[in-house]
C-alpha atoms as a PDB file:
ATOM      1  CA  MET A   1     -21.497 -46.592 -45.866  1.00  0.00           C
ATOM      2  CA  LYS A   2     -19.249 -49.553 -46.622  1.00  0.00           C
ATOM      3  CA  ASN A   3     -16.554 -47.190 -47.988  1.00  0.00           C
ATOM      4  CA  ILE A   4     -16.642 -45.105 -44.791  1.00  0.00           C
ATOM      5  CA  MET A   5     -16.113 -48.217 -42.639  1.00  0.00           C
ATOM      6  CA  ILE A   6     -13.202 -49.393 -44.791  1.00  0.00           C
ATOM      7  CA  ALA A   7     -11.602 -45.923 -44.680  1.00  0.00           C
ATOM      8  CA  GLY A   8     -11.999 -45.897 -40.884  1.00  0.00           C
ATOM      9  CA  LEU A   9     -10.378 -49.311 -40.519  1.00  0.00           C
ATOM     10  CA  VAL A  10      -7.496 -48.325 -42.808  1.00  0.00           C
ATOM     11  CA  SER A  11      -6.865 -45.106 -40.860  1.00  0.00           C
ATOM     12  CA  LEU A  12      -6.997 -47.052 -37.602  1.00  0.00           C
ATOM     13  CA  ALA A  13      -4.478 -49.585 -38.893  1.00  0.00           C
ATOM     14  CA  ILE A  14      -2.164 -46.798 -40.075  1.00  0.00           C
ATOM     15  CA  SER A  15      -2.310 -44.920 -36.759  1.00  0.00           C
ATOM     16  CA  LEU A  16      -1.855 -48.012 -34.579  1.00  0.00           C
ATOM     17  CA  PRO A  17       1.931 -48.417 -35.067  1.00  0.00           C
ATOM     18  CA  GLY A  18       2.455 -44.793 -34.037  1.00  0.00           C
ATOM     19  CA  PHE A  19       0.400 -45.386 -30.913  1.00  0.00           C
ATOM     20  CA  THR A  20       2.393 -48.438 -29.899  1.00  0.00           C
ATOM     21  CA  SER A  21       5.618 -46.543 -30.557  1.00  0.00           C
ATOM     22  CA  ALA A  22       4.515 -43.683 -28.287  1.00  0.00           C
ATOM     23  CA  GLN A  23       3.359 -46.169 -25.678  1.00  0.00           C
ATOM     24  CA  SER A  24       6.688 -48.026 -25.756  1.00  0.00           C
ATOM     25  CA  LYS A  25       8.555 -44.717 -25.311  1.00  0.00           C
ATOM     26  CA  SER A  26       6.338 -43.987 -22.309  1.00  0.00           C
ATOM     27  CA  ASP A  27       7.084 -47.430 -20.869  1.00  0.00           C
ATOM     28  CA  GLU A  28      10.819 -46.895 -21.451  1.00  0.00           C
ATOM     29  CA  LYS A  29      10.671 -43.527 -19.648  1.00  0.00           C
ATOM     30  CA  LYS A  30       8.796 -45.077 -16.712  1.00  0.00           C
ATOM     31  CA  ALA A  31      11.350 -47.910 -16.480  1.00  0.00           C
ATOM     32  CA  ALA A  32      14.232 -45.404 -16.580  1.00  0.00           C
ATOM     33  CA  ILE A  33      12.672 -43.266 -13.803  1.00  0.00           C
ATOM     34  CA  ALA A  34      11.965 -46.398 -11.720  1.00  0.00           C
ATOM     35  CA  ASN A  35      15.595 -47.459 -12.130  1.00  0.00           C
ATOM     36  CA  LEU A  36      16.860 -44.035 -10.977  1.00  0.00           C
ATOM     37  CA  ILE A  37      14.592 -44.047  -7.934  1.00  0.00           C
ATOM     38  CA  ASN A  38      15.338 -47.623  -6.885  1.00  0.00           C
ATOM     39  CA  ASN A  39      19.097 -47.109  -7.330  1.00  0.00           C
ATOM     40  CA  GLN A  40      18.957 -43.807  -5.400  1.00  0.00           C
ATOM     41  CA  SER A  41      20.850 -42.016  -8.144  1.00  0.00           C
ATOM     42  CA  TYR A  42      18.988 -38.959  -9.435  1.00  0.00           C
ATOM     43  CA  VAL A  43      18.675 -35.184  -9.381  1.00  0.00           C
ATOM     44  CA  PHE A  44      15.474 -33.259  -8.751  1.00  0.00           C
ATOM     45  CA  THR A  45      15.674 -29.908 -10.564  1.00  0.00           C
ATOM     46  CA  ALA A  46      13.275 -27.295  -9.178  1.00  0.00           C
ATOM     47  CA  GLN A  47      11.390 -25.230 -11.770  1.00  0.00           C
ATOM     48  CA  SER A  48       8.988 -23.389  -9.451  1.00  0.00           C
ATOM     49  CA  SER A  49       8.373 -22.887  -5.744  1.00  0.00           C
ATOM     50  CA  ILE A  50       5.114 -22.631  -3.837  1.00  0.00           C
ATOM     51  CA  PRO A  51       5.685 -21.178  -0.358  1.00  0.00           C
ATOM     52  CA  ALA A  52       3.170 -21.716   2.432  1.00  0.00           C
ATOM     53  CA  GLY A  53       1.115 -18.702   3.367  1.00  0.00           C
ATOM     54  CA  PRO A  54       0.492 -15.522   1.402  1.00  0.00           C
ATOM     55  CA  SER A  55       3.770 -15.539  -0.564  1.00  0.00           C
ATOM     56  CA  PRO A  56       3.328 -15.796  -4.348  1.00  0.00           C
ATOM     57  CA  ASP A  57       4.474 -18.746  -6.450  1.00  0.00           C
ATOM     58  CA  ARG A  58       7.868 -18.171  -8.068  1.00  0.00           C
ATOM     59  CA  GLN A  59       9.377 -19.501 -11.264  1.00  0.00           C
ATOM     60  CA  LEU A  60      12.973 -20.626 -10.805  1.00  0.00           C
ATOM     61  CA  ASN A  61      15.834 -20.592 -13.291  1.00  0.00           C
ATOM     62  CA  GLY A  62      16.797 -24.279 -13.102  1.00  0.00           C
ATOM     63  CA  GLN A  63      19.895 -23.722 -10.961  1.00  0.00           C
ATOM     64  CA  TYR A  64      18.339 -25.215  -7.818  1.00  0.00           C
ATOM     65  CA  ASP A  65      18.379 -28.934  -7.191  1.00  0.00           C
ATOM     66  CA  LEU A  66      18.305 -31.850  -4.787  1.00  0.00           C
ATOM     67  CA  THR A  67      20.796 -34.634  -5.539  1.00  0.00           C
ATOM     68  CA  VAL A  68      20.133 -38.090  -4.121  1.00  0.00           C
ATOM     69  CA  THR A  69      22.695 -40.910  -4.003  1.00  0.00           C
ATOM     70  CA  LYS A  70      22.923 -44.060  -1.902  1.00  0.00           C
ATOM     71  CA  ASP A  71      25.256 -42.352   0.559  1.00  0.00           C
ATOM     72  CA  SER A  72      24.183 -38.690   0.522  1.00  0.00           C
ATOM     73  CA  VAL A  73      21.425 -36.152  -0.049  1.00  0.00           C
ATOM     74  CA  ILE A  74      22.658 -32.745  -1.216  1.00  0.00           C
ATOM     75  CA  SER A  75      20.203 -29.858  -1.215  1.00  0.00           C
ATOM     76  CA  TYR A  76      20.724 -26.537  -2.941  1.00  0.00           C
ATOM     77  CA  LEU A  77      17.232 -25.021  -2.892  1.00  0.00           C
ATOM     78  CA  PRO A  78      15.944 -21.501  -2.254  1.00  0.00           C
ATOM     79  CA  TYR A  79      13.538 -20.635   0.541  1.00  0.00           C
ATOM     80  CA  PHE A  80      10.653 -18.185   0.402  1.00  0.00           C
ATOM     81  CA  GLY A  81       8.379 -17.967   3.406  1.00  0.00           C
ATOM     82  CA  ARG A  82       8.423 -17.464   7.141  1.00  0.00           C
ATOM     83  CA  ALA A  83      11.452 -18.628   9.106  1.00  0.00           C
ATOM     84  CA  TYR A  84      11.086 -18.815  12.878  1.00  0.00           C
ATOM     85  CA  THR A  85      14.817 -18.470  13.533  1.00  0.00           C
ATOM     86  CA  ALA A  86      17.480 -16.774  11.433  1.00  0.00           C
ATOM     87  CA  PRO A  87      20.681 -18.574  10.438  1.00  0.00           C
ATOM     88  CA  LEU A  88      23.843 -17.515  12.261  1.00  0.00           C
ATOM     89  CA  ASP A  89      25.686 -17.176   8.953  1.00  0.00           C
ATOM     90  CA  PRO A  90      23.804 -14.747   6.654  1.00  0.00           C
ATOM     91  CA  SER A  91      25.304 -16.391   3.567  1.00  0.00           C
ATOM     92  CA  LYS A  92      23.515 -19.636   4.458  1.00  0.00           C
ATOM     93  CA  GLY A  93      20.118 -18.664   3.101  1.00  0.00           C
ATOM     94  CA  GLY A  94      17.837 -21.149   1.445  1.00  0.00           C
ATOM     95  CA  ILE A  95      17.749 -24.872   2.096  1.00  0.00           C
ATOM     96  CA  GLN A  96      21.389 -25.865   1.720  1.00  0.00           C
ATOM     97  CA  PHE A  97      22.735 -29.020   3.328  1.00  0.00           C
ATOM     98  CA  THR A  98      24.533 -32.295   2.758  1.00  0.00           C
ATOM     99  CA  SER A  99      23.213 -35.280   4.681  1.00  0.00           C
ATOM    100  CA  THR A 100      24.974 -38.628   4.928  1.00  0.00           C
ATOM    101  CA  LYS A 101      22.651 -40.102   7.570  1.00  0.00           C
ATOM    102  CA  PHE A 102      19.084 -40.390   6.344  1.00  0.00           C
ATOM    103  CA  ASP A 103      16.132 -42.754   5.985  1.00  0.00           C
ATOM    104  CA  TYR A 104      14.912 -43.393   2.433  1.00  0.00           C
ATOM    105  CA  LYS A 105      11.522 -44.990   1.758  1.00  0.00           C
ATOM    106  CA  VAL A 106       9.871 -45.532  -1.640  1.00  0.00           C
ATOM    107  CA  THR A 107       6.182 -46.360  -2.054  1.00  0.00           C
ATOM    108  CA  GLU A 108       4.739 -47.127  -5.470  1.00  0.00           C
ATOM    109  CA  LYS A 109       1.395 -45.434  -6.180  1.00  0.00           C
ATOM    110  CA  LYS A 110      -1.579 -47.440  -7.447  1.00  0.00           C
ATOM    111  CA  LYS A 111      -2.058 -45.291 -10.553  1.00  0.00           C
ATOM    112  CA  GLY A 112       1.633 -45.088 -11.426  1.00  0.00           C
ATOM    113  CA  GLY A 113       4.449 -43.049  -9.977  1.00  0.00           C
ATOM    114  CA  TRP A 114       6.133 -43.096  -6.590  1.00  0.00           C
ATOM    115  CA  THR A 115       6.167 -41.347  -3.235  1.00  0.00           C
ATOM    116  CA  ILE A 116       9.640 -41.002  -1.726  1.00  0.00           C
ATOM    117  CA  VAL A 117      10.131 -39.942   1.891  1.00  0.00           C
ATOM    118  CA  ILE A 118      13.625 -38.880   2.933  1.00  0.00           C
ATOM    119  CA  LYS A 119      14.288 -38.080   6.595  1.00  0.00           C
ATOM    120  CA  PRO A 120      17.738 -36.510   7.129  1.00  0.00           C
ATOM    121  CA  LYS A 121      19.141 -37.165  10.592  1.00  0.00           C
ATOM    122  CA  ASP A 122      22.210 -34.928  10.545  1.00  0.00           C
ATOM    123  CA  THR A 123      20.884 -31.500   9.545  1.00  0.00           C
ATOM    124  CA  GLN A 124      18.597 -28.864  11.009  1.00  0.00           C
ATOM    125  CA  GLU A 125      17.606 -27.495   7.570  1.00  0.00           C
ATOM    126  CA  ALA A 126      14.949 -30.133   6.879  1.00  0.00           C
ATOM    127  CA  SER A 127      13.294 -32.816   8.946  1.00  0.00           C
ATOM    128  CA  GLN A 128      11.505 -34.449   6.018  1.00  0.00           C
ATOM    129  CA  LEU A 129      11.556 -34.343   2.200  1.00  0.00           C
ATOM    130  CA  ILE A 130       8.562 -35.796   0.367  1.00  0.00           C
ATOM    131  CA  LEU A 131       8.872 -36.338  -3.385  1.00  0.00           C
ATOM    132  CA  ASN A 132       5.824 -37.308  -5.458  1.00  0.00           C
ATOM    133  CA  VAL A 133       7.196 -38.529  -8.779  1.00  0.00           C
ATOM    134  CA  SER A 134       5.059 -39.282 -11.840  1.00  0.00           C
ATOM    135  CA  ALA A 135       5.948 -42.046 -14.304  1.00  0.00           C
ATOM    136  CA  ALA A 136       7.148 -39.331 -16.709  1.00  0.00           C
ATOM    137  CA  GLY A 137       9.493 -37.830 -14.109  1.00  0.00           C
ATOM    138  CA  TYR A 138       7.469 -34.748 -13.188  1.00  0.00           C
ATOM    139  CA  THR A 139       7.887 -34.208  -9.482  1.00  0.00           C
ATOM    140  CA  SER A 140       6.540 -32.279  -6.526  1.00  0.00           C
ATOM    141  CA  LEU A 141       8.923 -31.894  -3.573  1.00  0.00           C
ATOM    142  CA  GLN A 142       7.657 -30.790  -0.176  1.00  0.00           C
ATOM    143  CA  VAL A 143      10.333 -29.699   2.299  1.00  0.00           C
ATOM    144  CA  ILE A 144       9.301 -29.737   5.933  1.00  0.00           C
ATOM    145  CA  GLY A 145      11.775 -27.854   8.077  1.00  0.00           C
ATOM    146  CA  ASN A 146      12.359 -27.566  11.781  1.00  0.00           C
ATOM    147  CA  ASN A 147      12.384 -23.767  11.982  1.00  0.00           C
ATOM    148  CA  ARG A 148      10.462 -22.748   8.850  1.00  0.00           C
ATOM    149  CA  GLN A 149       7.091 -23.059   7.229  1.00  0.00           C
ATOM    150  CA  PRO A 150       6.903 -25.899   4.691  1.00  0.00           C
ATOM    151  CA  ILE A 151       7.613 -25.117   1.038  1.00  0.00           C
ATOM    152  CA  THR A 152       6.773 -27.057  -2.113  1.00  0.00           C
ATOM    153  CA  PHE A 153       8.796 -27.187  -5.313  1.00  0.00           C
ATOM    154  CA  ASN A 154       7.688 -28.459  -8.711  1.00  0.00           C
ATOM    155  CA  GLY A 155      10.202 -29.799 -11.196  1.00  0.00           C
ATOM    156  CA  VAL A 156      11.606 -32.947 -12.778  1.00  0.00           C
ATOM    157  CA  VAL A 157      13.650 -35.956 -11.720  1.00  0.00           C
ATOM    158  CA  ASP A 158      16.411 -36.996 -14.080  1.00  0.00           C
ATOM    159  CA  ALA A 159      19.695 -38.890 -14.123  1.00  0.00           C
ATOM    160  CA  ARG A 160      22.672 -37.350 -12.362  1.00  0.00           C
ATOM    161  CA  LYS A 161      25.125 -35.628 -14.637  1.00  0.00           C
ATOM    162  CA  PRO A 162      28.707 -36.922 -14.538  1.00  0.00           C
ATOM    163  CA  LYS A 163      31.144 -34.642 -12.738  1.00  0.00           C
ATOM    164  CA  ARG A 164      33.509 -32.728 -14.994  1.00  0.00           C
END
């Protein structure tokens, strides 16, 4: 019995440094995501879409994103669902806009993560963007439009890539 207790304590002591290392990496990731959000300098990359209504969920190829900076919000997202009015230009499908006049509000969640509400004032494509970001960067984005049913995207928030 005594040997089993000693073996258990030794294995616990050996595994503890690995645990603290994983925990410190998690804390570093959370701090990095918090820094991106507070500095308004990040890209949300959509990995899947969940349209409202009977449309099926769709996996995306990683080419669709929402870029947020202090002075602009740039959306290049697809749209699947019911639109109440058609765009005048048929090449303007999806949720594509650049907004330079918008409200940006961040609320920290009690159990970690953030809720970000962006309200563009100079586009008809979206009246509100709601991002729910986890401490690890996994994100749900709900786009509420003026002339369309809402759509939700799942993906990740990460640092903006430098322009080439």
